[in-house]
Amino acid sequence: MSAPDRFARTLAREFDMARDEAHELAEAVLETFDGADELCDEGLDAGLRSVFYTLERRRLMTFRRVEIQGDEGLRRSFFWKLRLEGIDEAARAVAFDVPEFQDVYASLPAEAWQHAT
């Protein structure tokens, strides 16, 4: 299974997403990295940065902070990195089969519908 497919499968499972939406998101994230190991935060769109923080909370991404002292003071830069091992772990996780629709009322005995008077 390719990296984009594993990533999409993980997104679909972790966030209860439709597969086509998960594939779109996986492709957008991977295209942003453009084959690089790390990505500087400075040029990111605010929406994509929000996605990165969400992925970081699920341990699918990580970041490092670099502080640079310059003439204008302390400057911080952040660099994002995909946690491929986290993606692989989540992709291998056991999925539990949960019925999409379960009629709870149909499973009740007829006595459950009788009212005491």
PDB file of N, CA and C in Angstrom:
ATOM      1  N   MET A   1       0.852  -1.175   0.000  1.00  0.00           N
ATOM      2  CA  MET A   1       0.000   0.000   0.000  1.00  0.00           C
ATOM      3  C   MET A   1       0.898   1.239   0.000  1.00  0.00           C
ATOM      4  N   SER A   2       0.584   2.199  -0.843  1.00  0.00           N
ATOM      5  CA  SER A   2       1.403   3.405  -0.971  1.00  0.00           C
ATOM      6  C   SER A   2       1.231   4.304   0.262  1.00  0.00           C
ATOM      7  N   ALA A   3       2.180   5.215   0.452  1.00  0.00           N
ATOM      8  CA  ALA A   3       2.118   6.142   1.580  1.00  0.00           C
ATOM      9  C   ALA A   3       0.844   6.990   1.549  1.00  0.00           C
ATOM     10  N   PRO A   4       0.454   7.550   0.380  1.00  0.00           N
ATOM     11  CA  PRO A   4      -0.799   8.322   0.378  1.00  0.00           C
ATOM     12  C   PRO A   4      -2.015   7.471   0.745  1.00  0.00           C
ATOM     13  N   ASP A   5      -2.024   6.210   0.310  1.00  0.00           N
ATOM     14  CA  ASP A   5      -3.151   5.333   0.646  1.00  0.00           C
ATOM     15  C   ASP A   5      -3.179   5.008   2.133  1.00  0.00           C
ATOM     16  N   ARG A   6      -2.007   4.740   2.719  1.00  0.00           N
ATOM     17  CA  ARG A   6      -1.934   4.467   4.166  1.00  0.00           C
ATOM     18  C   ARG A   6      -2.382   5.692   4.952  1.00  0.00           C
ATOM     19  N   PHE A   7      -1.902   6.857   4.517  1.00  0.00           N
ATOM     20  CA  PHE A   7      -2.252   8.101   5.202  1.00  0.00           C
ATOM     21  C   PHE A   7      -3.757   8.350   5.107  1.00  0.00           C
ATOM     22  N   ALA A   8      -4.325   8.177   3.920  1.00  0.00           N
ATOM     23  CA  ALA A   8      -5.767   8.375   3.737  1.00  0.00           C
ATOM     24  C   ALA A   8      -6.568   7.384   4.575  1.00  0.00           C
ATOM     25  N   ARG A   9      -6.121   6.147   4.621  1.00  0.00           N
ATOM     26  CA  ARG A   9      -6.814   5.132   5.418  1.00  0.00           C
ATOM     27  C   ARG A   9      -6.779   5.504   6.901  1.00  0.00           C
ATOM     28  N   THR A  10      -5.631   5.996   7.342  1.00  0.00           N
ATOM     29  CA  THR A  10      -5.490   6.417   8.731  1.00  0.00           C
ATOM     30  C   THR A  10      -6.402   7.601   9.033  1.00  0.00           C
ATOM     31  N   LEU A  11      -6.431   8.587   8.139  1.00  0.00           N
ATOM     32  CA  LEU A  11      -7.302   9.752   8.342  1.00  0.00           C
ATOM     33  C   LEU A  11      -8.759   9.330   8.399  1.00  0.00           C
ATOM     34  N   ALA A  12      -9.160   8.447   7.500  1.00  0.00           N
ATOM     35  CA  ALA A  12     -10.547   7.985   7.474  1.00  0.00           C
ATOM     36  C   ALA A  12     -10.920   7.327   8.796  1.00  0.00           C
ATOM     37  N   ARG A  13     -10.029   6.521   9.332  1.00  0.00           N
ATOM     38  CA  ARG A  13     -10.313   5.821  10.578  1.00  0.00           C
ATOM     39  C   ARG A  13     -10.240   6.758  11.785  1.00  0.00           C
ATOM     40  N   GLU A  14      -9.191   7.563  11.862  1.00  0.00           N
ATOM     41  CA  GLU A  14      -8.990   8.422  13.031  1.00  0.00           C
ATOM     42  C   GLU A  14     -10.046   9.514  13.172  1.00  0.00           C
ATOM     43  N   PHE A  15     -10.526  10.019  12.025  1.00  0.00           N
ATOM     44  CA  PHE A  15     -11.438  11.151  12.056  1.00  0.00           C
ATOM     45  C   PHE A  15     -12.827  10.810  11.541  1.00  0.00           C
ATOM     46  N   ASP A  16     -13.095   9.532  11.335  1.00  0.00           N
ATOM     47  CA  ASP A  16     -14.393   9.074  10.851  1.00  0.00           C
ATOM     48  C   ASP A  16     -14.801   9.840   9.592  1.00  0.00           C
ATOM     49  N   MET A  17     -13.871   9.870   8.633  1.00  0.00           N
ATOM     50  CA  MET A  17     -14.077  10.600   7.376  1.00  0.00           C
ATOM     51  C   MET A  17     -14.477   9.646   6.265  1.00  0.00           C
ATOM     52  N   ALA A  18     -15.159  10.181   5.277  1.00  0.00           N
ATOM     53  CA  ALA A  18     -15.411   9.416   4.057  1.00  0.00           C
ATOM     54  C   ALA A  18     -14.075   9.196   3.352  1.00  0.00           C
ATOM     55  N   ARG A  19     -13.943   8.070   2.671  1.00  0.00           N
ATOM     56  CA  ARG A  19     -12.665   7.737   2.029  1.00  0.00           C
ATOM     57  C   ARG A  19     -12.219   8.780   1.010  1.00  0.00           C
ATOM     58  N   ASP A  20     -13.145   9.298   0.212  1.00  0.00           N
ATOM     59  CA  ASP A  20     -12.745  10.285  -0.799  1.00  0.00           C
ATOM     60  C   ASP A  20     -12.265  11.580  -0.142  1.00  0.00           C
ATOM     61  N   GLU A  21     -12.894  11.992   0.955  1.00  0.00           N
ATOM     62  CA  GLU A  21     -12.448  13.179   1.682  1.00  0.00           C
ATOM     63  C   GLU A  21     -11.082  12.934   2.315  1.00  0.00           C
ATOM     64  N   ALA A  22     -10.882  11.743   2.857  1.00  0.00           N
ATOM     65  CA  ALA A  22      -9.596  11.403   3.464  1.00  0.00           C
ATOM     66  C   ALA A  22      -8.488  11.411   2.418  1.00  0.00           C
ATOM     67  N   HIS A  23      -8.780  10.894   1.220  1.00  0.00           N
ATOM     68  CA  HIS A  23      -7.776  10.911   0.148  1.00  0.00           C
ATOM     69  C   HIS A  23      -7.440  12.339  -0.274  1.00  0.00           C
ATOM     70  N   GLU A  24      -8.436  13.198  -0.370  1.00  0.00           N
ATOM     71  CA  GLU A  24      -8.193  14.593  -0.728  1.00  0.00           C
ATOM     72  C   GLU A  24      -7.312  15.279   0.306  1.00  0.00           C
ATOM     73  N   LEU A  25      -7.613  15.051   1.577  1.00  0.00           N
ATOM     74  CA  LEU A  25      -6.823  15.666   2.643  1.00  0.00           C
ATOM     75  C   LEU A  25      -5.403  15.109   2.660  1.00  0.00           C
ATOM     76  N   ALA A  26      -5.270  13.803   2.507  1.00  0.00           N
ATOM     77  CA  ALA A  26      -3.934  13.192   2.491  1.00  0.00           C
ATOM     78  C   ALA A  26      -3.104  13.752   1.345  1.00  0.00           C
ATOM     79  N   GLU A  27      -3.709  13.873   0.182  1.00  0.00           N
ATOM     80  CA  GLU A  27      -2.989  14.424  -0.968  1.00  0.00           C
ATOM     81  C   GLU A  27      -2.591  15.879  -0.732  1.00  0.00           C
ATOM     82  N   ALA A  28      -3.483  16.673  -0.148  1.00  0.00           N
ATOM     83  CA  ALA A  28      -3.171  18.080   0.126  1.00  0.00           C
ATOM     84  C   ALA A  28      -1.996  18.207   1.088  1.00  0.00           C
ATOM     85  N   VAL A  29      -2.002  17.403   2.148  1.00  0.00           N
ATOM     86  CA  VAL A  29      -0.912  17.451   3.121  1.00  0.00           C
ATOM     87  C   VAL A  29       0.390  16.998   2.474  1.00  0.00           C
ATOM     88  N   LEU A  30       0.370  15.880   1.763  1.00  0.00           N
ATOM     89  CA  LEU A  30       1.590  15.358   1.153  1.00  0.00           C
ATOM     90  C   LEU A  30       2.120  16.287   0.059  1.00  0.00           C
ATOM     91  N   GLU A  31       1.227  16.905  -0.711  1.00  0.00           N
ATOM     92  CA  GLU A  31       1.664  17.861  -1.736  1.00  0.00           C
ATOM     93  C   GLU A  31       2.340  19.067  -1.105  1.00  0.00           C
ATOM     94  N   THR A  32       1.870  19.483   0.066  1.00  0.00           N
ATOM     95  CA  THR A  32       2.472  20.611   0.758  1.00  0.00           C
ATOM     96  C   THR A  32       3.917  20.307   1.123  1.00  0.00           C
ATOM     97  N   PHE A  33       4.170  19.067   1.526  1.00  0.00           N
ATOM     98  CA  PHE A  33       5.545  18.674   1.868  1.00  0.00           C
ATOM     99  C   PHE A  33       6.407  18.524   0.615  1.00  0.00           C
ATOM    100  N   ASP A  34       5.804  18.189  -0.505  1.00  0.00           N
ATOM    101  CA  ASP A  34       6.508  18.080  -1.785  1.00  0.00           C
ATOM    102  C   ASP A  34       7.781  17.233  -1.674  1.00  0.00           C
ATOM    103  N   GLY A  35       7.677  16.129  -0.958  1.00  0.00           N
ATOM    104  CA  GLY A  35       8.797  15.200  -0.842  1.00  0.00           C
ATOM    105  C   GLY A  35       9.813  15.555   0.230  1.00  0.00           C
ATOM    106  N   ALA A  36       9.689  16.716   0.857  1.00  0.00           N
ATOM    107  CA  ALA A  36      10.636  17.119   1.904  1.00  0.00           C
ATOM    108  C   ALA A  36      10.304  16.421   3.216  1.00  0.00           C
ATOM    109  N   ASP A  37      11.314  16.252   4.051  1.00  0.00           N
ATOM    110  CA  ASP A  37      11.101  15.651   5.369  1.00  0.00           C
ATOM    111  C   ASP A  37      10.414  16.619   6.326  1.00  0.00           C
ATOM    112  N   GLU A  38      10.755  17.894   6.198  1.00  0.00           N
ATOM    113  CA  GLU A  38      10.193  18.913   7.076  1.00  0.00           C
ATOM    114  C   GLU A  38       9.641  20.065   6.245  1.00  0.00           C
ATOM    115  N   LEU A  39       8.751  20.824   6.885  1.00  0.00           N
ATOM    116  CA  LEU A  39       8.098  21.937   6.213  1.00  0.00           C
ATOM    117  C   LEU A  39       8.072  23.125   7.167  1.00  0.00           C
ATOM    118  N   CYS A  40       8.547  24.267   6.704  1.00  0.00           N
ATOM    119  CA  CYS A  40       8.540  25.476   7.524  1.00  0.00           C
ATOM    120  C   CYS A  40       7.109  25.991   7.658  1.00  0.00           C
ATOM    121  N   ASP A  41       6.754  26.374   8.847  1.00  0.00           N
ATOM    122  CA  ASP A  41       5.406  26.819   9.175  1.00  0.00           C
ATOM    123  C   ASP A  41       5.072  28.195   8.599  1.00  0.00           C
ATOM    124  N   GLU A  42       6.069  28.996   8.305  1.00  0.00           N
ATOM    125  CA  GLU A  42       5.849  30.405   7.952  1.00  0.00           C
ATOM    126  C   GLU A  42       4.952  30.608   6.741  1.00  0.00           C
ATOM    127  N   GLY A  43       5.055  29.780   5.735  1.00  0.00           N
ATOM    128  CA  GLY A  43       4.281  29.994   4.528  1.00  0.00           C
ATOM    129  C   GLY A  43       2.954  29.263   4.479  1.00  0.00           C
ATOM    130  N   LEU A  44       2.575  28.610   5.558  1.00  0.00           N
ATOM    131  CA  LEU A  44       1.349  27.814   5.548  1.00  0.00           C
ATOM    132  C   LEU A  44       0.092  28.668   5.615  1.00  0.00           C
ATOM    133  N   ASP A  45      -0.913  28.236   4.898  1.00  0.00           N
ATOM    134  CA  ASP A  45      -2.244  28.804   4.988  1.00  0.00           C
ATOM    135  C   ASP A  45      -2.799  28.493   6.382  1.00  0.00           C
ATOM    136  N   ALA A  46      -3.571  29.413   6.936  1.00  0.00           N
ATOM    137  CA  ALA A  46      -4.105  29.217   8.291  1.00  0.00           C
ATOM    138  C   ALA A  46      -4.955  27.957   8.397  1.00  0.00           C
ATOM    139  N   GLY A  47      -5.725  27.638   7.357  1.00  0.00           N
ATOM    140  CA  GLY A  47      -6.543  26.428   7.380  1.00  0.00           C
ATOM    141  C   GLY A  47      -5.705  25.171   7.414  1.00  0.00           C
ATOM    142  N   LEU A  48      -4.650  25.147   6.623  1.00  0.00           N
ATOM    143  CA  LEU A  48      -3.773  23.977   6.606  1.00  0.00           C
ATOM    144  C   LEU A  48      -3.001  23.863   7.917  1.00  0.00           C
ATOM    145  N   ARG A  49      -2.605  24.988   8.476  1.00  0.00           N
ATOM    146  CA  ARG A  49      -1.919  24.971   9.777  1.00  0.00           C
ATOM    147  C   ARG A  49      -2.836  24.369  10.834  1.00  0.00           C
ATOM    148  N   SER A  50      -4.111  24.702  10.779  1.00  0.00           N
ATOM    149  CA  SER A  50      -5.083  24.141  11.719  1.00  0.00           C
ATOM    150  C   SER A  50      -5.174  22.622  11.554  1.00  0.00           C
ATOM    151  N   VAL A  51      -5.163  22.150  10.310  1.00  0.00           N
ATOM    152  CA  VAL A  51      -5.152  20.704  10.046  1.00  0.00           C
ATOM    153  C   VAL A  51      -3.903  20.077  10.648  1.00  0.00           C
ATOM    154  N   PHE A  52      -2.754  20.741  10.488  1.00  0.00           N
ATOM    155  CA  PHE A  52      -1.500  20.210  11.031  1.00  0.00           C
ATOM    156  C   PHE A  52      -1.578  20.071  12.555  1.00  0.00           C
ATOM    157  N   TYR A  53      -2.128  21.079  13.232  1.00  0.00           N
ATOM    158  CA  TYR A  53      -2.270  20.993  14.688  1.00  0.00           C
ATOM    159  C   TYR A  53      -3.192  19.837  15.086  1.00  0.00           C
ATOM    160  N   THR A  54      -4.248  19.626  14.320  1.00  0.00           N
ATOM    161  CA  THR A  54      -5.152  18.513  14.593  1.00  0.00           C
ATOM    162  C   THR A  54      -4.428  17.181  14.410  1.00  0.00           C
ATOM    163  N   LEU A  55      -3.648  17.068  13.354  1.00  0.00           N
ATOM    164  CA  LEU A  55      -2.873  15.840  13.117  1.00  0.00           C
ATOM    165  C   LEU A  55      -1.817  15.644  14.204  1.00  0.00           C
ATOM    166  N   GLU A  56      -1.261  16.738  14.685  1.00  0.00           N
ATOM    167  CA  GLU A  56      -0.254  16.659  15.756  1.00  0.00           C
ATOM    168  C   GLU A  56      -0.883  16.146  17.044  1.00  0.00           C
ATOM    169  N   ARG A  57      -2.115  16.572  17.333  1.00  0.00           N
ATOM    170  CA  ARG A  57      -2.790  16.079  18.545  1.00  0.00           C
ATOM    171  C   ARG A  57      -3.044  14.572  18.470  1.00  0.00           C
ATOM    172  N   ARG A  58      -3.205  14.038  17.273  1.00  0.00           N
ATOM    173  CA  ARG A  58      -3.409  12.598  17.094  1.00  0.00           C
ATOM    174  C   ARG A  58      -2.091  11.846  16.887  1.00  0.00           C
ATOM    175  N   ARG A  59      -0.989  12.553  17.059  1.00  0.00           N
ATOM    176  CA  ARG A  59       0.366  11.979  16.955  1.00  0.00           C
ATOM    177  C   ARG A  59       0.686  11.494  15.533  1.00  0.00           C
ATOM    178  N   LEU A  60       0.094  12.144  14.534  1.00  0.00           N
ATOM    179  CA  LEU A  60       0.390  11.816  13.148  1.00  0.00           C
ATOM    180  C   LEU A  60       1.397  12.796  12.559  1.00  0.00           C
ATOM    181  N   MET A  61       1.611  13.897  13.268  1.00  0.00           N
ATOM    182  CA  MET A  61       2.622  14.892  12.891  1.00  0.00           C
ATOM    183  C   MET A  61       3.326  15.347  14.149  1.00  0.00           C
ATOM    184  N   THR A  62       4.464  15.948  13.946  1.00  0.00           N
ATOM    185  CA  THR A  62       5.198  16.558  15.041  1.00  0.00           C
ATOM    186  C   THR A  62       5.826  17.840  14.511  1.00  0.00           C
ATOM    187  N   PHE A  63       6.339  18.663  15.402  1.00  0.00           N
ATOM    188  CA  PHE A  63       7.034  19.868  14.951  1.00  0.00           C
ATOM    189  C   PHE A  63       8.208  20.133  15.869  1.00  0.00           C
ATOM    190  N   ARG A  64       9.133  20.905  15.360  1.00  0.00           N
ATOM    191  CA  ARG A  64      10.255  21.351  16.183  1.00  0.00           C
ATOM    192  C   ARG A  64      10.319  22.863  16.090  1.00  0.00           C
ATOM    193  N   ARG A  65      10.793  23.464  17.147  1.00  0.00           N
ATOM    194  CA  ARG A  65      10.895  24.917  17.208  1.00  0.00           C
ATOM    195  C   ARG A  65      12.360  25.307  17.235  1.00  0.00           C
ATOM    196  N   VAL A  66      12.715  26.310  16.429  1.00  0.00           N
ATOM    197  CA  VAL A  66      14.069  26.830  16.378  1.00  0.00           C
ATOM    198  C   VAL A  66      14.007  28.299  16.782  1.00  0.00           C
ATOM    199  N   GLU A  67      14.867  28.692  17.719  1.00  0.00           N
ATOM    200  CA  GLU A  67      14.920  30.086  18.140  1.00  0.00           C
ATOM    201  C   GLU A  67      16.212  30.704  17.620  1.00  0.00           C
ATOM    202  N   ILE A  68      16.080  31.855  16.999  1.00  0.00           N
ATOM    203  CA  ILE A  68      17.226  32.550  16.426  1.00  0.00           C
ATOM    204  C   ILE A  68      17.268  33.956  17.001  1.00  0.00           C
ATOM    205  N   GLN A  69      18.400  34.298  17.614  1.00  0.00           N
ATOM    206  CA  GLN A  69      18.576  35.638  18.165  1.00  0.00           C
ATOM    207  C   GLN A  69      19.177  36.521  17.080  1.00  0.00           C
ATOM    208  N   GLY A  70      18.473  37.573  16.722  1.00  0.00           N
ATOM    209  CA  GLY A  70      18.943  38.487  15.691  1.00  0.00           C
ATOM    210  C   GLY A  70      18.933  39.912  16.199  1.00  0.00           C
ATOM    211  N   ASP A  71      19.209  40.842  15.296  1.00  0.00           N
ATOM    212  CA  ASP A  71      19.222  42.261  15.654  1.00  0.00           C
ATOM    213  C   ASP A  71      17.846  42.739  16.109  1.00  0.00           C
ATOM    214  N   GLU A  72      16.814  42.122  15.585  1.00  0.00           N
ATOM    215  CA  GLU A  72      15.446  42.525  15.926  1.00  0.00           C
ATOM    216  C   GLU A  72      14.889  41.768  17.118  1.00  0.00           C
ATOM    217  N   GLY A  73      15.691  40.954  17.750  1.00  0.00           N
ATOM    218  CA  GLY A  73      15.241  40.183  18.902  1.00  0.00           C
ATOM    219  C   GLY A  73      15.164  38.702  18.595  1.00  0.00           C
ATOM    220  N   LEU A  74      14.502  38.009  19.466  1.00  0.00           N
ATOM    221  CA  LEU A  74      14.357  36.554  19.336  1.00  0.00           C
ATOM    222  C   LEU A  74      13.293  36.225  18.291  1.00  0.00           C
ATOM    223  N   ARG A  75      13.647  35.345  17.388  1.00  0.00           N
ATOM    224  CA  ARG A  75      12.715  34.912  16.349  1.00  0.00           C
ATOM    225  C   ARG A  75      12.550  33.400  16.442  1.00  0.00           C
ATOM    226  N   ARG A  76      11.306  32.960  16.388  1.00  0.00           N
ATOM    227  CA  ARG A  76      11.025  31.527  16.456  1.00  0.00           C
ATOM    228  C   ARG A  76      10.529  31.041  15.107  1.00  0.00           C
ATOM    229  N   SER A  77      11.030  29.898  14.697  1.00  0.00           N
ATOM    230  CA  SER A  77      10.550  29.230  13.487  1.00  0.00           C
ATOM    231  C   SER A  77      10.097  27.833  13.879  1.00  0.00           C
ATOM    232  N   PHE A  78       9.028  27.392  13.236  1.00  0.00           N
ATOM    233  CA  PHE A  78       8.494  26.061  13.486  1.00  0.00           C
ATOM    234  C   PHE A  78       8.590  25.244  12.203  1.00  0.00           C
ATOM    235  N   PHE A  79       8.946  23.970  12.367  1.00  0.00           N
ATOM    236  CA  PHE A  79       9.077  23.061  11.245  1.00  0.00           C
ATOM    237  C   PHE A  79       8.239  21.817  11.514  1.00  0.00           C
ATOM    238  N   TRP A  80       7.332  21.509  10.583  1.00  0.00           N
ATOM    239  CA  TRP A  80       6.437  20.366  10.701  1.00  0.00           C
ATOM    240  C   TRP A  80       7.054  19.135  10.074  1.00  0.00           C
ATOM    241  N   LYS A  81       6.721  17.988  10.644  1.00  0.00           N
ATOM    242  CA  LYS A  81       7.193  16.714  10.103  1.00  0.00           C
ATOM    243  C   LYS A  81       6.092  15.669  10.280  1.00  0.00           C
ATOM    244  N   LEU A  82       5.855  14.894   9.232  1.00  0.00           N
ATOM    245  CA  LEU A  82       4.905  13.782   9.331  1.00  0.00           C
ATOM    246  C   LEU A  82       5.534  12.670  10.163  1.00  0.00           C
ATOM    247  N   ARG A  83       4.746  12.079  11.029  1.00  0.00           N
ATOM    248  CA  ARG A  83       5.204  10.931  11.811  1.00  0.00           C
ATOM    249  C   ARG A  83       4.763   9.672  11.066  1.00  0.00           C
ATOM    250  N   LEU A  84       5.569   9.250  10.112  1.00  0.00           N
ATOM    251  CA  LEU A  84       5.198   8.096   9.291  1.00  0.00           C
ATOM    252  C   LEU A  84       4.991   6.851  10.127  1.00  0.00           C
ATOM    253  N   GLU A  85       5.766   6.721  11.208  1.00  0.00           N
ATOM    254  CA  GLU A  85       5.569   5.555  12.071  1.00  0.00           C
ATOM    255  C   GLU A  85       4.216   5.620  12.766  1.00  0.00           C
ATOM    256  N   GLY A  86       3.748   6.824  13.116  1.00  0.00           N
ATOM    257  CA  GLY A  86       2.417   6.981  13.702  1.00  0.00           C
ATOM    258  C   GLY A  86       1.331   6.656  12.704  1.00  0.00           C
ATOM    259  N   ILE A  87       1.538   7.051  11.458  1.00  0.00           N
ATOM    260  CA  ILE A  87       0.577   6.761  10.400  1.00  0.00           C
ATOM    261  C   ILE A  87       0.523   5.261  10.156  1.00  0.00           C
ATOM    262  N   ASP A  88       1.703   4.617  10.115  1.00  0.00           N
ATOM    263  CA  ASP A  88       1.742   3.173   9.896  1.00  0.00           C
ATOM    264  C   ASP A  88       1.095   2.419  11.055  1.00  0.00           C
ATOM    265  N   GLU A  89       1.348   2.862  12.289  1.00  0.00           N
ATOM    266  CA  GLU A  89       0.741   2.210  13.456  1.00  0.00           C
ATOM    267  C   GLU A  89      -0.778   2.311  13.389  1.00  0.00           C
ATOM    268  N   ALA A  90      -1.265   3.491  13.068  1.00  0.00           N
ATOM    269  CA  ALA A  90      -2.713   3.694  13.006  1.00  0.00           C
ATOM    270  C   ALA A  90      -3.330   2.911  11.847  1.00  0.00           C
ATOM    271  N   ALA A  91      -2.603   2.813  10.735  1.00  0.00           N
ATOM    272  CA  ALA A  91      -3.125   2.072   9.580  1.00  0.00           C
ATOM    273  C   ALA A  91      -3.220   0.587   9.882  1.00  0.00           C
ATOM    274  N   ARG A  92      -2.329   0.076  10.752  1.00  0.00           N
ATOM    275  CA  ARG A  92      -2.354  -1.346  11.101  1.00  0.00           C
ATOM    276  C   ARG A  92      -3.294  -1.660  12.254  1.00  0.00           C
ATOM    277  N   ALA A  93      -3.810  -0.625  12.904  1.00  0.00           N
ATOM    278  CA  ALA A  93      -4.672  -0.835  14.069  1.00  0.00           C
ATOM    279  C   ALA A  93      -5.877  -1.668  13.679  1.00  0.00           C
ATOM    280  N   VAL A  94      -6.319  -2.442  14.619  1.00  0.00           N
ATOM    281  CA  VAL A  94      -7.475  -3.294  14.369  1.00  0.00           C
ATOM    282  C   VAL A  94      -8.729  -2.438  14.312  1.00  0.00           C
ATOM    283  N   ALA A  95      -9.475  -2.612  13.269  1.00  0.00           N
ATOM    284  CA  ALA A  95     -10.751  -1.906  13.131  1.00  0.00           C
ATOM    285  C   ALA A  95     -11.863  -2.814  13.615  1.00  0.00           C
ATOM    286  N   PHE A  96     -12.713  -2.277  14.446  1.00  0.00           N
ATOM    287  CA  PHE A  96     -13.843  -3.043  14.931  1.00  0.00           C
ATOM    288  C   PHE A  96     -15.013  -2.848  13.982  1.00  0.00           C
ATOM    289  N   ASP A  97     -15.679  -3.930  13.649  1.00  0.00           N
ATOM    290  CA  ASP A  97     -16.839  -3.844  12.776  1.00  0.00           C
ATOM    291  C   ASP A  97     -18.038  -3.411  13.604  1.00  0.00           C
ATOM    292  N   VAL A  98     -18.520  -2.224  13.320  1.00  0.00           N
ATOM    293  CA  VAL A  98     -19.696  -1.693  13.992  1.00  0.00           C
ATOM    294  C   VAL A  98     -20.775  -1.556  12.939  1.00  0.00           C
ATOM    295  N   PRO A  99     -21.928  -2.153  13.168  1.00  0.00           N
ATOM    296  CA  PRO A  99     -22.996  -2.025  12.174  1.00  0.00           C
ATOM    297  C   PRO A  99     -23.333  -0.562  11.946  1.00  0.00           C
ATOM    298  N   GLU A 100     -23.575  -0.216  10.698  1.00  0.00           N
ATOM    299  CA  GLU A 100     -23.875   1.176  10.374  1.00  0.00           C
ATOM    300  C   GLU A 100     -25.201   1.593  10.990  1.00  0.00           C
ATOM    301  N   PHE A 101     -26.178   0.703  10.971  1.00  0.00           N
ATOM    302  CA  PHE A 101     -27.480   1.003  11.554  1.00  0.00           C
ATOM    303  C   PHE A 101     -27.933  -0.207  12.348  1.00  0.00           C
ATOM    304  N   GLN A 102     -28.321   0.044  13.556  1.00  0.00           N
ATOM    305  CA  GLN A 102     -28.803  -1.046  14.382  1.00  0.00           C
ATOM    306  C   GLN A 102     -30.123  -0.595  15.002  1.00  0.00           C
ATOM    307  N   ASP A 103     -31.199  -1.314  14.728  1.00  0.00           N
ATOM    308  CA  ASP A 103     -32.509  -0.965  15.237  1.00  0.00           C
ATOM    309  C   ASP A 103     -32.616  -1.463  16.677  1.00  0.00           C
ATOM    310  N   VAL A 104     -32.367  -0.567  17.595  1.00  0.00           N
ATOM    311  CA  VAL A 104     -32.382  -0.912  19.017  1.00  0.00           C
ATOM    312  C   VAL A 104     -33.776  -1.331  19.459  1.00  0.00           C
ATOM    313  N   TYR A 105     -34.777  -0.638  18.957  1.00  0.00           N
ATOM    314  CA  TYR A 105     -36.151  -0.930  19.378  1.00  0.00           C
ATOM    315  C   TYR A 105     -36.614  -2.313  18.933  1.00  0.00           C
ATOM    316  N   ALA A 106     -36.161  -2.767  17.794  1.00  0.00           N
ATOM    317  CA  ALA A 106     -36.570  -4.088  17.296  1.00  0.00           C
ATOM    318  C   ALA A 106     -36.030  -5.202  18.185  1.00  0.00           C
ATOM    319  N   SER A 107     -34.951  -4.943  18.893  1.00  0.00           N
ATOM    320  CA  SER A 107     -34.365  -5.979  19.733  1.00  0.00           C
ATOM    321  C   SER A 107     -35.034  -6.077  21.110  1.00  0.00           C
ATOM    322  N   LEU A 108     -35.940  -5.141  21.436  1.00  0.00           N
ATOM    323  CA  LEU A 108     -36.622  -5.177  22.731  1.00  0.00           C
ATOM    324  C   LEU A 108     -37.762  -6.187  22.693  1.00  0.00           C
ATOM    325  N   PRO A 109     -37.987  -6.885  23.812  1.00  0.00           N
ATOM    326  CA  PRO A 109     -39.112  -7.824  23.860  1.00  0.00           C
ATOM    327  C   PRO A 109     -40.440  -7.059  23.885  1.00  0.00           C
ATOM    328  N   ALA A 110     -41.494  -7.731  23.495  1.00  0.00           N
ATOM    329  CA  ALA A 110     -42.823  -7.103  23.427  1.00  0.00           C
ATOM    330  C   ALA A 110     -43.247  -6.540  24.782  1.00  0.00           C
ATOM    331  N   GLU A 111     -42.824  -7.185  25.883  1.00  0.00           N
ATOM    332  CA  GLU A 111     -43.193  -6.717  27.223  1.00  0.00           C
ATOM    333  C   GLU A 111     -42.649  -5.314  27.509  1.00  0.00           C
ATOM    334  N   ALA A 112     -41.596  -4.951  26.847  1.00  0.00           N
ATOM    335  CA  ALA A 112     -40.999  -3.631  27.087  1.00  0.00           C
ATOM    336  C   ALA A 112     -41.923  -2.508  26.644  1.00  0.00           C
ATOM    337  N   TRP A 113     -42.848  -2.822  25.758  1.00  0.00           N
ATOM    338  CA  TRP A 113     -43.756  -1.815  25.227  1.00  0.00           C
ATOM    339  C   TRP A 113     -45.055  -1.721  26.031  1.00  0.00           C
ATOM    340  N   GLN A 114     -45.252  -2.579  27.002  1.00  0.00           N
ATOM    341  CA  GLN A 114     -46.475  -2.529  27.809  1.00  0.00           C
ATOM    342  C   GLN A 114     -46.279  -1.538  28.951  1.00  0.00           C
ATOM    343  N   HIS A 115     -47.297  -0.693  29.149  1.00  0.00           N
ATOM    344  CA  HIS A 115     -47.228   0.327  30.188  1.00  0.00           C
ATOM    345  C   HIS A 115     -48.018  -0.150  31.403  1.00  0.00           C
ATOM    346  N   ALA A 116     -47.491   0.100  32.555  1.00  0.00           N
ATOM    347  CA  ALA A 116     -48.198  -0.240  33.798  1.00  0.00           C
ATOM    348  C   ALA A 116     -49.327   0.769  34.003  1.00  0.00           C
ATOM    349  N   THR A 117     -50.484   0.265  34.399  1.00  0.00           N
ATOM    350  CA  THR A 117     -51.637   1.149  34.650  1.00  0.00           C
ATOM    351  C   THR A 117     -52.069   1.095  36.067  1.00  0.00           C
TER     352      THR A 117
END
